[in-house]
Structures are given as C-alpha cells and as structure tokens.
Amino acid sequence: MAAERTFAAWIRTGFNISGVGVTVGTALKDTQTRWISWTIAVALISVGIFSFIYGWYQYKSVYHYIRAHYKGENLSAQSFSFNYHAMTIITVILVLASFMGIFLMFY
C-alpha cells in the first residue's frame, strides 16, 4: 500500500506541475512574447509527464521486487497484479492527456 500512496503522490505532483504549465500557456497565449510562455508551459508539462512516468517506474520496481522475493507467501496476487495493470493504464492515459494539452495550447 505504501507503493500505491507514493504513486498517487507522484501523480498528484505531475497534475499540479502540468496544470500550471497549461495555465501559463493559455493565460499568456496572446502576449507579444508568446514563445517565452510556450517554452515555460512546455517545460512544465514535460516535467509533469516525467513525474507520471517516474512514479509508474517506481511502482513497477516495487511490484517486481515483491513478486520476486515473496513467491511463497500468501499474497493476494490477483488484486496486486490488477493494481499494477491499472497503474500502467492510468499512466499512459495521463501522458497522452498531457500531450493533448500541449497540442491544444498551440491552437
């Protein structure tokens, strides 16, 4: 459960950073130095995407460690495996949504 809380913290951090990036990009879209606001926005959204991917990678590492070292234990492997696949799907959706945010910011 600690790994899931840590994953949730990385996702929450990525949302906040990406949200600030989208806000900066859209709020300053019509300024004269538009390229500066877009650069800052794309950088922030990229850091948010990195946060999503890094959180998933850490969760994946813990998942594989537990599976390798506690094979004989009575673990509910089915729900644990479901959580791993759900976290993977959530991460892919968040990364795609972040790329859509970058795309929509330019139009």
PDB file of N, CA and C in Angstrom:
ATOM      1  N   MET A   1       0.811  -1.202   0.000  1.00  0.00           N
ATOM      2  CA  MET A   1       0.000   0.000   0.000  1.00  0.00           C
ATOM      3  C   MET A   1       0.852   1.262   0.000  1.00  0.00           C
ATOM      4  N   ALA A   2       2.028   1.177   0.586  1.00  0.00           N
ATOM      5  CA  ALA A   2       2.903   2.350   0.584  1.00  0.00           C
ATOM      6  C   ALA A   2       3.316   2.708  -0.837  1.00  0.00           C
ATOM      7  N   ALA A   3       3.530   1.697  -1.663  1.00  0.00           N
ATOM      8  CA  ALA A   3       3.900   1.962  -3.059  1.00  0.00           C
ATOM      9  C   ALA A   3       2.762   2.659  -3.793  1.00  0.00           C
ATOM     10  N   GLU A   4       1.527   2.298  -3.487  1.00  0.00           N
ATOM     11  CA  GLU A   4       0.387   2.939  -4.135  1.00  0.00           C
ATOM     12  C   GLU A   4       0.232   4.388  -3.669  1.00  0.00           C
ATOM     13  N   ARG A   5       0.488   4.642  -2.406  1.00  0.00           N
ATOM     14  CA  ARG A   5       0.428   6.025  -1.919  1.00  0.00           C
ATOM     15  C   ARG A   5       1.529   6.868  -2.547  1.00  0.00           C
ATOM     16  N   THR A   6       2.700   6.286  -2.694  1.00  0.00           N
ATOM     17  CA  THR A   6       3.797   7.013  -3.326  1.00  0.00           C
ATOM     18  C   THR A   6       3.479   7.292  -4.787  1.00  0.00           C
ATOM     19  N   PHE A   7       2.895   6.304  -5.472  1.00  0.00           N
ATOM     20  CA  PHE A   7       2.484   6.508  -6.863  1.00  0.00           C
ATOM     21  C   PHE A   7       1.464   7.631  -6.944  1.00  0.00           C
ATOM     22  N   ALA A   8       0.506   7.630  -6.028  1.00  0.00           N
ATOM     23  CA  ALA A   8      -0.512   8.687  -6.018  1.00  0.00           C
ATOM     24  C   ALA A   8       0.115  10.059  -5.782  1.00  0.00           C
ATOM     25  N   ALA A   9       1.150  10.112  -4.950  1.00  0.00           N
ATOM     26  CA  ALA A   9       1.829  11.386  -4.710  1.00  0.00           C
ATOM     27  C   ALA A   9       2.537  11.880  -5.969  1.00  0.00           C
ATOM     28  N   TRP A  10       3.174  10.973  -6.705  1.00  0.00           N
ATOM     29  CA  TRP A  10       3.828  11.367  -7.956  1.00  0.00           C
ATOM     30  C   TRP A  10       2.800  11.849  -8.977  1.00  0.00           C
ATOM     31  N   ILE A  11       1.668  11.174  -9.038  1.00  0.00           N
ATOM     32  CA  ILE A  11       0.613  11.585  -9.979  1.00  0.00           C
ATOM     33  C   ILE A  11       0.065  12.955  -9.582  1.00  0.00           C
ATOM     34  N   ARG A  12      -0.170  13.160  -8.299  1.00  0.00           N
ATOM     35  CA  ARG A  12      -0.675  14.448  -7.816  1.00  0.00           C
ATOM     36  C   ARG A  12       0.321  15.560  -8.142  1.00  0.00           C
ATOM     37  N   THR A  13       1.595  15.300  -7.938  1.00  0.00           N
ATOM     38  CA  THR A  13       2.620  16.287  -8.261  1.00  0.00           C
ATOM     39  C   THR A  13       2.657  16.569  -9.763  1.00  0.00           C
ATOM     40  N   GLY A  14       2.558  15.514 -10.571  1.00  0.00           N
ATOM     41  CA  GLY A  14       2.543  15.697 -12.022  1.00  0.00           C
ATOM     42  C   GLY A  14       1.345  16.501 -12.493  1.00  0.00           C
ATOM     43  N   PHE A  15       0.177  16.251 -11.878  1.00  0.00           N
ATOM     44  CA  PHE A  15      -1.021  17.035 -12.218  1.00  0.00           C
ATOM     45  C   PHE A  15      -0.803  18.514 -11.909  1.00  0.00           C
ATOM     46  N   ASN A  16      -0.276  18.785 -10.745  1.00  0.00           N
ATOM     47  CA  ASN A  16      -0.069  20.180 -10.355  1.00  0.00           C
ATOM     48  C   ASN A  16       0.905  20.884 -11.287  1.00  0.00           C
ATOM     49  N   ILE A  17       2.006  20.238 -11.588  1.00  0.00           N
ATOM     50  CA  ILE A  17       3.007  20.861 -12.456  1.00  0.00           C
ATOM     51  C   ILE A  17       2.464  21.030 -13.868  1.00  0.00           C
ATOM     52  N   SER A  18       1.796  19.999 -14.398  1.00  0.00           N
ATOM     53  CA  SER A  18       1.215  20.099 -15.747  1.00  0.00           C
ATOM     54  C   SER A  18       0.107  21.137 -15.781  1.00  0.00           C
ATOM     55  N   GLY A  19      -0.682  21.205 -14.723  1.00  0.00           N
ATOM     56  CA  GLY A  19      -1.758  22.203 -14.660  1.00  0.00           C
ATOM     57  C   GLY A  19      -1.221  23.622 -14.685  1.00  0.00           C
ATOM     58  N   VAL A  20      -0.139  23.857 -13.975  1.00  0.00           N
ATOM     59  CA  VAL A  20       0.485  25.179 -14.013  1.00  0.00           C
ATOM     60  C   VAL A  20       1.005  25.458 -15.422  1.00  0.00           C
ATOM     61  N   GLY A  21       1.570  24.459 -16.063  1.00  0.00           N
ATOM     62  CA  GLY A  21       2.064  24.636 -17.431  1.00  0.00           C
ATOM     63  C   GLY A  21       0.960  24.991 -18.404  1.00  0.00           C
ATOM     64  N   VAL A  22      -0.157  24.295 -18.324  1.00  0.00           N
ATOM     65  CA  VAL A  22      -1.292  24.594 -19.214  1.00  0.00           C
ATOM     66  C   VAL A  22      -1.851  25.977 -18.912  1.00  0.00           C
ATOM     67  N   THR A  23      -1.927  26.327 -17.634  1.00  0.00           N
ATOM     68  CA  THR A  23      -2.435  27.647 -17.257  1.00  0.00           C
ATOM     69  C   THR A  23      -1.539  28.761 -17.781  1.00  0.00           C
ATOM     70  N   VAL A  24      -0.246  28.609 -17.621  1.00  0.00           N
ATOM     71  CA  VAL A  24       0.689  29.622 -18.122  1.00  0.00           C
ATOM     72  C   VAL A  24       0.579  29.720 -19.639  1.00  0.00           C
ATOM     73  N   GLY A  25       0.518  28.574 -20.301  1.00  0.00           N
ATOM     74  CA  GLY A  25       0.448  28.579 -21.766  1.00  0.00           C
ATOM     75  C   GLY A  25      -0.814  29.212 -22.310  1.00  0.00           C
ATOM     76  N   THR A  26      -1.929  28.959 -21.665  1.00  0.00           N
ATOM     77  CA  THR A  26      -3.182  29.528 -22.174  1.00  0.00           C
ATOM     78  C   THR A  26      -3.394  30.960 -21.703  1.00  0.00           C
ATOM     79  N   ALA A  27      -2.965  31.294 -20.501  1.00  0.00           N
ATOM     80  CA  ALA A  27      -3.169  32.653 -19.996  1.00  0.00           C
ATOM     81  C   ALA A  27      -2.310  33.669 -20.738  1.00  0.00           C
ATOM     82  N   LEU A  28      -1.133  33.261 -21.125  1.00  0.00           N
ATOM     83  CA  LEU A  28      -0.221  34.186 -21.801  1.00  0.00           C
ATOM     84  C   LEU A  28      -0.134  33.930 -23.302  1.00  0.00           C
ATOM     85  N   LYS A  29      -1.158  33.311 -23.849  1.00  0.00           N
ATOM     86  CA  LYS A  29      -1.135  32.940 -25.263  1.00  0.00           C
ATOM     87  C   LYS A  29      -1.130  34.156 -26.189  1.00  0.00           C
ATOM     88  N   ASP A  30      -1.780  35.212 -25.796  1.00  0.00           N
ATOM     89  CA  ASP A  30      -1.921  36.362 -26.686  1.00  0.00           C
ATOM     90  C   ASP A  30      -0.935  37.489 -26.385  1.00  0.00           C
ATOM     91  N   THR A  31       0.109  37.211 -25.637  1.00  0.00           N
ATOM     92  CA  THR A  31       1.093  38.243 -25.350  1.00  0.00           C
ATOM     93  C   THR A  31       2.086  38.364 -26.506  1.00  0.00           C
ATOM     94  N   GLN A  32       2.869  39.431 -26.459  1.00  0.00           N
ATOM     95  CA  GLN A  32       3.839  39.631 -27.534  1.00  0.00           C
ATOM     96  C   GLN A  32       4.987  38.637 -27.464  1.00  0.00           C
ATOM     97  N   THR A  33       5.385  38.254 -26.283  1.00  0.00           N
ATOM     98  CA  THR A  33       6.463  37.272 -26.131  1.00  0.00           C
ATOM     99  C   THR A  33       5.850  35.895 -25.903  1.00  0.00           C
ATOM    100  N   ARG A  34       5.061  35.498 -26.841  1.00  0.00           N
ATOM    101  CA  ARG A  34       4.336  34.237 -26.736  1.00  0.00           C
ATOM    102  C   ARG A  34       5.275  33.038 -26.661  1.00  0.00           C
ATOM    103  N   TRP A  35       6.402  33.103 -27.334  1.00  0.00           N
ATOM    104  CA  TRP A  35       7.318  31.955 -27.345  1.00  0.00           C
ATOM    105  C   TRP A  35       7.893  31.684 -25.963  1.00  0.00           C
ATOM    106  N   ILE A  36       8.041  32.729 -25.141  1.00  0.00           N
ATOM    107  CA  ILE A  36       8.547  32.516 -23.781  1.00  0.00           C
ATOM    108  C   ILE A  36       7.522  31.768 -22.945  1.00  0.00           C
ATOM    109  N   SER A  37       6.267  32.175 -23.045  1.00  0.00           N
ATOM    110  CA  SER A  37       5.223  31.492 -22.263  1.00  0.00           C
ATOM    111  C   SER A  37       5.045  30.057 -22.748  1.00  0.00           C
ATOM    112  N   TRP A  38       5.137  29.836 -24.047  1.00  0.00           N
ATOM    113  CA  TRP A  38       5.018  28.465 -24.550  1.00  0.00           C
ATOM    114  C   TRP A  38       6.194  27.607 -24.125  1.00  0.00           C
ATOM    115  N   THR A  39       7.377  28.187 -24.110  1.00  0.00           N
ATOM    116  CA  THR A  39       8.557  27.444 -23.666  1.00  0.00           C
ATOM    117  C   THR A  39       8.419  27.038 -22.207  1.00  0.00           C
ATOM    118  N   ILE A  40       7.982  27.976 -21.379  1.00  0.00           N
ATOM    119  CA  ILE A  40       7.778  27.666 -19.963  1.00  0.00           C
ATOM    120  C   ILE A  40       6.687  26.618 -19.803  1.00  0.00           C
ATOM    121  N   ALA A  41       5.593  26.780 -20.555  1.00  0.00           N
ATOM    122  CA  ALA A  41       4.480  25.832 -20.451  1.00  0.00           C
ATOM    123  C   ALA A  41       4.895  24.432 -20.890  1.00  0.00           C
ATOM    124  N   VAL A  42       5.576  24.318 -22.005  1.00  0.00           N
ATOM    125  CA  VAL A  42       6.001  23.006 -22.497  1.00  0.00           C
ATOM    126  C   VAL A  42       7.003  22.377 -21.526  1.00  0.00           C
ATOM    127  N   ALA A  43       7.872  23.189 -20.955  1.00  0.00           N
ATOM    128  CA  ALA A  43       8.826  22.661 -19.975  1.00  0.00           C
ATOM    129  C   ALA A  43       8.100  22.129 -18.744  1.00  0.00           C
ATOM    130  N   LEU A  44       7.119  22.866 -18.242  1.00  0.00           N
ATOM    131  CA  LEU A  44       6.377  22.418 -17.066  1.00  0.00           C
ATOM    132  C   LEU A  44       5.557  21.161 -17.356  1.00  0.00           C
ATOM    133  N   ILE A  45       4.931  21.121 -18.506  1.00  0.00           N
ATOM    134  CA  ILE A  45       4.158  19.931 -18.866  1.00  0.00           C
ATOM    135  C   ILE A  45       5.085  18.739 -19.048  1.00  0.00           C
ATOM    136  N   SER A  46       6.261  18.963 -19.598  1.00  0.00           N
ATOM    137  CA  SER A  46       7.228  17.870 -19.747  1.00  0.00           C
ATOM    138  C   SER A  46       7.682  17.343 -18.384  1.00  0.00           C
ATOM    139  N   VAL A  47       7.880  18.230 -17.427  1.00  0.00           N
ATOM    140  CA  VAL A  47       8.238  17.793 -16.082  1.00  0.00           C
ATOM    141  C   VAL A  47       7.085  16.999 -15.463  1.00  0.00           C
ATOM    142  N   GLY A  48       5.853  17.425 -15.722  1.00  0.00           N
ATOM    143  CA  GLY A  48       4.693  16.666 -15.251  1.00  0.00           C
ATOM    144  C   GLY A  48       4.634  15.274 -15.862  1.00  0.00           C
ATOM    145  N   ILE A  49       4.919  15.174 -17.149  1.00  0.00           N
ATOM    146  CA  ILE A  49       4.947  13.877 -17.818  1.00  0.00           C
ATOM    147  C   ILE A  49       6.048  13.005 -17.223  1.00  0.00           C
ATOM    148  N   PHE A  50       7.207  13.605 -16.970  1.00  0.00           N
ATOM    149  CA  PHE A  50       8.294  12.863 -16.339  1.00  0.00           C
ATOM    150  C   PHE A  50       7.864  12.352 -14.965  1.00  0.00           C
ATOM    151  N   SER A  51       7.112  13.158 -14.236  1.00  0.00           N
ATOM    152  CA  SER A  51       6.620  12.746 -12.921  1.00  0.00           C
ATOM    153  C   SER A  51       5.687  11.547 -13.036  1.00  0.00           C
ATOM    154  N   PHE A  52       4.814  11.536 -14.023  1.00  0.00           N
ATOM    155  CA  PHE A  52       3.917  10.394 -14.235  1.00  0.00           C
ATOM    156  C   PHE A  52       4.730   9.126 -14.520  1.00  0.00           C
ATOM    157  N   ILE A  53       5.676   9.255 -15.434  1.00  0.00           N
ATOM    158  CA  ILE A  53       6.459   8.089 -15.849  1.00  0.00           C
ATOM    159  C   ILE A  53       7.358   7.606 -14.721  1.00  0.00           C
ATOM    160  N   TYR A  54       7.980   8.529 -13.993  1.00  0.00           N
ATOM    161  CA  TYR A  54       8.855   8.138 -12.894  1.00  0.00           C
ATOM    162  C   TYR A  54       8.067   7.461 -11.775  1.00  0.00           C
ATOM    163  N   GLY A  55       6.891   7.977 -11.458  1.00  0.00           N
ATOM    164  CA  GLY A  55       6.043   7.342 -10.447  1.00  0.00           C
ATOM    165  C   GLY A  55       5.650   5.931 -10.858  1.00  0.00           C
ATOM    166  N   TRP A  56       5.320   5.750 -12.136  1.00  0.00           N
ATOM    167  CA  TRP A  56       4.975   4.410 -12.612  1.00  0.00           C
ATOM    168  C   TRP A  56       6.180   3.486 -12.538  1.00  0.00           C
ATOM    169  N   TYR A  57       7.354   4.011 -12.908  1.00  0.00           N
ATOM    170  CA  TYR A  57       8.566   3.192 -12.881  1.00  0.00           C
ATOM    171  C   TYR A  57       8.883   2.739 -11.460  1.00  0.00           C
ATOM    172  N   GLN A  58       8.737   3.624 -10.497  1.00  0.00           N
ATOM    173  CA  GLN A  58       8.982   3.252  -9.104  1.00  0.00           C
ATOM    174  C   GLN A  58       7.978   2.199  -8.647  1.00  0.00           C
ATOM    175  N   TYR A  59       6.708   2.364  -9.008  1.00  0.00           N
ATOM    176  CA  TYR A  59       5.695   1.377  -8.623  1.00  0.00           C
ATOM    177  C   TYR A  59       6.012   0.034  -9.269  1.00  0.00           C
ATOM    178  N   LYS A  60       6.437   0.067 -10.523  1.00  0.00           N
ATOM    179  CA  LYS A  60       6.789  -1.176 -11.231  1.00  0.00           C
ATOM    180  C   LYS A  60       7.958  -1.873 -10.542  1.00  0.00           C
ATOM    181  N   SER A  61       8.944  -1.114 -10.104  1.00  0.00           N
ATOM    182  CA  SER A  61      10.095  -1.696  -9.414  1.00  0.00           C
ATOM    183  C   SER A  61       9.680  -2.383  -8.121  1.00  0.00           C
ATOM    184  N   VAL A  62       8.831  -1.741  -7.353  1.00  0.00           N
ATOM    185  CA  VAL A  62       8.349  -2.333  -6.100  1.00  0.00           C
ATOM    186  C   VAL A  62       7.513  -3.573  -6.390  1.00  0.00           C
ATOM    187  N   TYR A  63       6.691  -3.512  -7.414  1.00  0.00           N
ATOM    188  CA  TYR A  63       5.852  -4.655  -7.795  1.00  0.00           C
ATOM    189  C   TYR A  63       6.717  -5.870  -8.121  1.00  0.00           C
ATOM    190  N   HIS A  64       7.739  -5.668  -8.950  1.00  0.00           N
ATOM    191  CA  HIS A  64       8.590  -6.793  -9.325  1.00  0.00           C
ATOM    192  C   HIS A  64       9.430  -7.290  -8.148  1.00  0.00           C
ATOM    193  N   TYR A  65       9.831  -6.407  -7.274  1.00  0.00           N
ATOM    194  CA  TYR A  65      10.578  -6.815  -6.087  1.00  0.00           C
ATOM    195  C   TYR A  65       9.714  -7.702  -5.180  1.00  0.00           C
ATOM    196  N   ILE A  66       8.498  -7.292  -4.947  1.00  0.00           N
ATOM    197  CA  ILE A  66       7.602  -8.077  -4.082  1.00  0.00           C
ATOM    198  C   ILE A  66       7.298  -9.426  -4.716  1.00  0.00           C
ATOM    199  N   ARG A  67       7.040  -9.433  -5.996  1.00  0.00           N
ATOM    200  CA  ARG A  67       6.751 -10.709  -6.667  1.00  0.00           C
ATOM    201  C   ARG A  67       7.943 -11.648  -6.633  1.00  0.00           C
ATOM    202  N   ALA A  68       9.153 -11.123  -6.739  1.00  0.00           N
ATOM    203  CA  ALA A  68      10.352 -11.969  -6.768  1.00  0.00           C
ATOM    204  C   ALA A  68      10.731 -12.483  -5.384  1.00  0.00           C
ATOM    205  N   HIS A  69      10.530 -11.696  -4.355  1.00  0.00           N
ATOM    206  CA  HIS A  69      11.012 -12.065  -3.030  1.00  0.00           C
ATOM    207  C   HIS A  69       9.961 -12.696  -2.124  1.00  0.00           C
ATOM    208  N   TYR A  70       8.716 -12.628  -2.506  1.00  0.00           N
ATOM    209  CA  TYR A  70       7.666 -13.183  -1.659  1.00  0.00           C
ATOM    210  C   TYR A  70       6.786 -14.163  -2.427  1.00  0.00           C
ATOM    211  N   LYS A  71       7.431 -15.044  -3.193  1.00  0.00           N
ATOM    212  CA  LYS A  71       6.664 -16.001  -4.003  1.00  0.00           C
ATOM    213  C   LYS A  71       5.912 -17.013  -3.142  1.00  0.00           C
ATOM    214  N   GLY A  72       6.520 -17.470  -2.071  1.00  0.00           N
ATOM    215  CA  GLY A  72       5.901 -18.493  -1.244  1.00  0.00           C
ATOM    216  C   GLY A  72       4.889 -17.959  -0.255  1.00  0.00           C
ATOM    217  N   GLU A  73       4.841 -16.674  -0.074  1.00  0.00           N
ATOM    218  CA  GLU A  73       3.921 -16.068   0.890  1.00  0.00           C
ATOM    219  C   GLU A  73       2.497 -16.110   0.361  1.00  0.00           C
ATOM    220  N   ASN A  74       1.575 -15.976   1.254  1.00  0.00           N
ATOM    221  CA  ASN A  74       0.163 -15.982   0.882  1.00  0.00           C
ATOM    222  C   ASN A  74      -0.255 -14.543   0.556  1.00  0.00           C
ATOM    223  N   LEU A  75       0.063 -14.098  -0.634  1.00  0.00           N
ATOM    224  CA  LEU A  75      -0.308 -12.758  -1.074  1.00  0.00           C
ATOM    225  C   LEU A  75      -1.505 -12.840  -2.000  1.00  0.00           C
ATOM    226  N   SER A  76      -2.314 -11.835  -1.946  1.00  0.00           N
ATOM    227  CA  SER A  76      -3.423 -11.798  -2.903  1.00  0.00           C
ATOM    228  C   SER A  76      -2.862 -11.275  -4.226  1.00  0.00           C
ATOM    229  N   ALA A  77      -2.269 -12.158  -4.978  1.00  0.00           N
ATOM    230  CA  ALA A  77      -1.557 -11.792  -6.203  1.00  0.00           C
ATOM    231  C   ALA A  77      -2.498 -11.260  -7.277  1.00  0.00           C
ATOM    232  N   GLN A  78      -3.741 -11.701  -7.264  1.00  0.00           N
ATOM    233  CA  GLN A  78      -4.650 -11.270  -8.314  1.00  0.00           C
ATOM    234  C   GLN A  78      -4.944  -9.769  -8.196  1.00  0.00           C
ATOM    235  N   SER A  79      -5.257  -9.294  -7.004  1.00  0.00           N
ATOM    236  CA  SER A  79      -5.559  -7.872  -6.869  1.00  0.00           C
ATOM    237  C   SER A  79      -4.291  -7.041  -7.026  1.00  0.00           C
ATOM    238  N   PHE A  80      -3.164  -7.565  -6.573  1.00  0.00           N
ATOM    239  CA  PHE A  80      -1.902  -6.853  -6.721  1.00  0.00           C
ATOM    240  C   PHE A  80      -1.544  -6.709  -8.197  1.00  0.00           C
ATOM    241  N   SER A  81      -1.755  -7.755  -8.974  1.00  0.00           N
ATOM    242  CA  SER A  81      -1.500  -7.701 -10.407  1.00  0.00           C
ATOM    243  C   SER A  81      -2.468  -6.735 -11.090  1.00  0.00           C
ATOM    244  N   PHE A  82      -3.717  -6.732 -10.651  1.00  0.00           N
ATOM    245  CA  PHE A  82      -4.700  -5.796 -11.208  1.00  0.00           C
ATOM    246  C   PHE A  82      -4.267  -4.355 -10.944  1.00  0.00           C
ATOM    247  N   ASN A  83      -3.770  -4.080  -9.739  1.00  0.00           N
ATOM    248  CA  ASN A  83      -3.308  -2.731  -9.422  1.00  0.00           C
ATOM    249  C   ASN A  83      -2.160  -2.320 -10.338  1.00  0.00           C
ATOM    250  N   TYR A  84      -1.252  -3.234 -10.599  1.00  0.00           N
ATOM    251  CA  TYR A  84      -0.120  -2.926 -11.468  1.00  0.00           C
ATOM    252  C   TYR A  84      -0.606  -2.556 -12.870  1.00  0.00           C
ATOM    253  N   HIS A  85      -1.536  -3.338 -13.408  1.00  0.00           N
ATOM    254  CA  HIS A  85      -2.048  -3.052 -14.754  1.00  0.00           C
ATOM    255  C   HIS A  85      -2.881  -1.770 -14.760  1.00  0.00           C
ATOM    256  N   ALA A  86      -3.626  -1.538 -13.710  1.00  0.00           N
ATOM    257  CA  ALA A  86      -4.403  -0.302 -13.626  1.00  0.00           C
ATOM    258  C   ALA A  86      -3.490   0.914 -13.566  1.00  0.00           C
ATOM    259  N   MET A  87      -2.414   0.822 -12.809  1.00  0.00           N
ATOM    260  CA  MET A  87      -1.465   1.933 -12.725  1.00  0.00           C
ATOM    261  C   MET A  87      -0.809   2.190 -14.079  1.00  0.00           C
ATOM    262  N   THR A  88      -0.532   1.136 -14.824  1.00  0.00           N
ATOM    263  CA  THR A  88       0.056   1.296 -16.149  1.00  0.00           C
ATOM    264  C   THR A  88      -0.910   2.012 -17.089  1.00  0.00           C
ATOM    265  N   ILE A  89      -2.156   1.606 -17.069  1.00  0.00           N
ATOM    266  CA  ILE A  89      -3.168   2.235 -17.928  1.00  0.00           C
ATOM    267  C   ILE A  89      -3.366   3.696 -17.547  1.00  0.00           C
ATOM    268  N   ILE A  90      -3.419   3.986 -16.252  1.00  0.00           N
ATOM    269  CA  ILE A  90      -3.584   5.361 -15.796  1.00  0.00           C
ATOM    270  C   ILE A  90      -2.410   6.228 -16.245  1.00  0.00           C
ATOM    271  N   THR A  91      -1.216   5.699 -16.148  1.00  0.00           N
ATOM    272  CA  THR A  91      -0.039   6.462 -16.553  1.00  0.00           C
ATOM    273  C   THR A  91      -0.060   6.770 -18.039  1.00  0.00           C
ATOM    274  N   VAL A  92      -0.421   5.791 -18.854  1.00  0.00           N
ATOM    275  CA  VAL A  92      -0.495   6.018 -20.308  1.00  0.00           C
ATOM    276  C   VAL A  92      -1.546   7.076 -20.624  1.00  0.00           C
ATOM    277  N   ILE A  93      -2.693   7.011 -19.979  1.00  0.00           N
ATOM    278  CA  ILE A  93      -3.755   7.997 -20.218  1.00  0.00           C
ATOM    279  C   ILE A  93      -3.292   9.394 -19.814  1.00  0.00           C
ATOM    280  N   LEU A  94      -2.607   9.505 -18.683  1.00  0.00           N
ATOM    281  CA  LEU A  94      -2.136  10.816 -18.228  1.00  0.00           C
ATOM    282  C   LEU A  94      -1.080  11.396 -19.165  1.00  0.00           C
ATOM    283  N   VAL A  95      -0.197  10.562 -19.655  1.00  0.00           N
ATOM    284  CA  VAL A  95       0.827  11.053 -20.585  1.00  0.00           C
ATOM    285  C   VAL A  95       0.163  11.515 -21.879  1.00  0.00           C
ATOM    286  N   LEU A  96      -0.787  10.753 -22.391  1.00  0.00           N
ATOM    287  CA  LEU A  96      -1.486  11.157 -23.614  1.00  0.00           C
ATOM    288  C   LEU A  96      -2.279  12.436 -23.405  1.00  0.00           C
ATOM    289  N   ALA A  97      -2.932  12.562 -22.261  1.00  0.00           N
ATOM    290  CA  ALA A  97      -3.688  13.780 -21.964  1.00  0.00           C
ATOM    291  C   ALA A  97      -2.757  14.981 -21.851  1.00  0.00           C
ATOM    292  N   SER A  98      -1.577  14.784 -21.323  1.00  0.00           N
ATOM    293  CA  SER A  98      -0.612  15.889 -21.231  1.00  0.00           C
ATOM    294  C   SER A  98      -0.149  16.318 -22.615  1.00  0.00           C
ATOM    295  N   PHE A  99       0.100  15.351 -23.488  1.00  0.00           N
ATOM    296  CA  PHE A  99       0.469  15.705 -24.854  1.00  0.00           C
ATOM    297  C   PHE A  99      -0.670  16.427 -25.561  1.00  0.00           C
ATOM    298  N   MET A 100      -1.904  16.035 -25.279  1.00  0.00           N
ATOM    299  CA  MET A 100      -3.047  16.753 -25.854  1.00  0.00           C
ATOM    300  C   MET A 100      -3.096  18.182 -25.334  1.00  0.00           C
ATOM    301  N   GLY A 101      -2.735  18.380 -24.055  1.00  0.00           N
ATOM    302  CA  GLY A 101      -2.693  19.732 -23.502  1.00  0.00           C
ATOM    303  C   GLY A 101      -1.687  20.593 -24.225  1.00  0.00           C
ATOM    304  N   ILE A 102      -0.528  20.017 -24.529  1.00  0.00           N
ATOM    305  CA  ILE A 102       0.481  20.758 -25.289  1.00  0.00           C
ATOM    306  C   ILE A 102      -0.061  21.087 -26.679  1.00  0.00           C
ATOM    307  N   PHE A 103      -0.694  20.122 -27.321  1.00  0.00           N
ATOM    308  CA  PHE A 103      -1.228  20.324 -28.672  1.00  0.00           C
ATOM    309  C   PHE A 103      -2.309  21.408 -28.671  1.00  0.00           C
ATOM    310  N   LEU A 104      -3.231  21.348 -27.713  1.00  0.00           N
ATOM    311  CA  LEU A 104      -4.326  22.321 -27.670  1.00  0.00           C
ATOM    312  C   LEU A 104      -3.840  23.717 -27.307  1.00  0.00           C
ATOM    313  N   MET A 105      -2.735  23.806 -26.628  1.00  0.00           N
ATOM    314  CA  MET A 105      -2.202  25.104 -26.246  1.00  0.00           C
ATOM    315  C   MET A 105      -1.753  25.892 -27.469  1.00  0.00           C
ATOM    316  N   PHE A 106      -1.295  25.191 -28.487  1.00  0.00           N
ATOM    317  CA  PHE A 106      -0.794  25.885 -29.678  1.00  0.00           C
ATOM    318  C   PHE A 106      -1.915  26.253 -30.641  1.00  0.00           C
ATOM    319  N   TYR A 107      -3.123  25.786 -30.402  1.00  0.00           N
ATOM    320  CA  TYR A 107      -4.231  26.089 -31.328  1.00  0.00           C
ATOM    321  C   TYR A 107      -5.342  26.776 -30.632  1.00  0.00           C
TER     322      TYR A 107
END
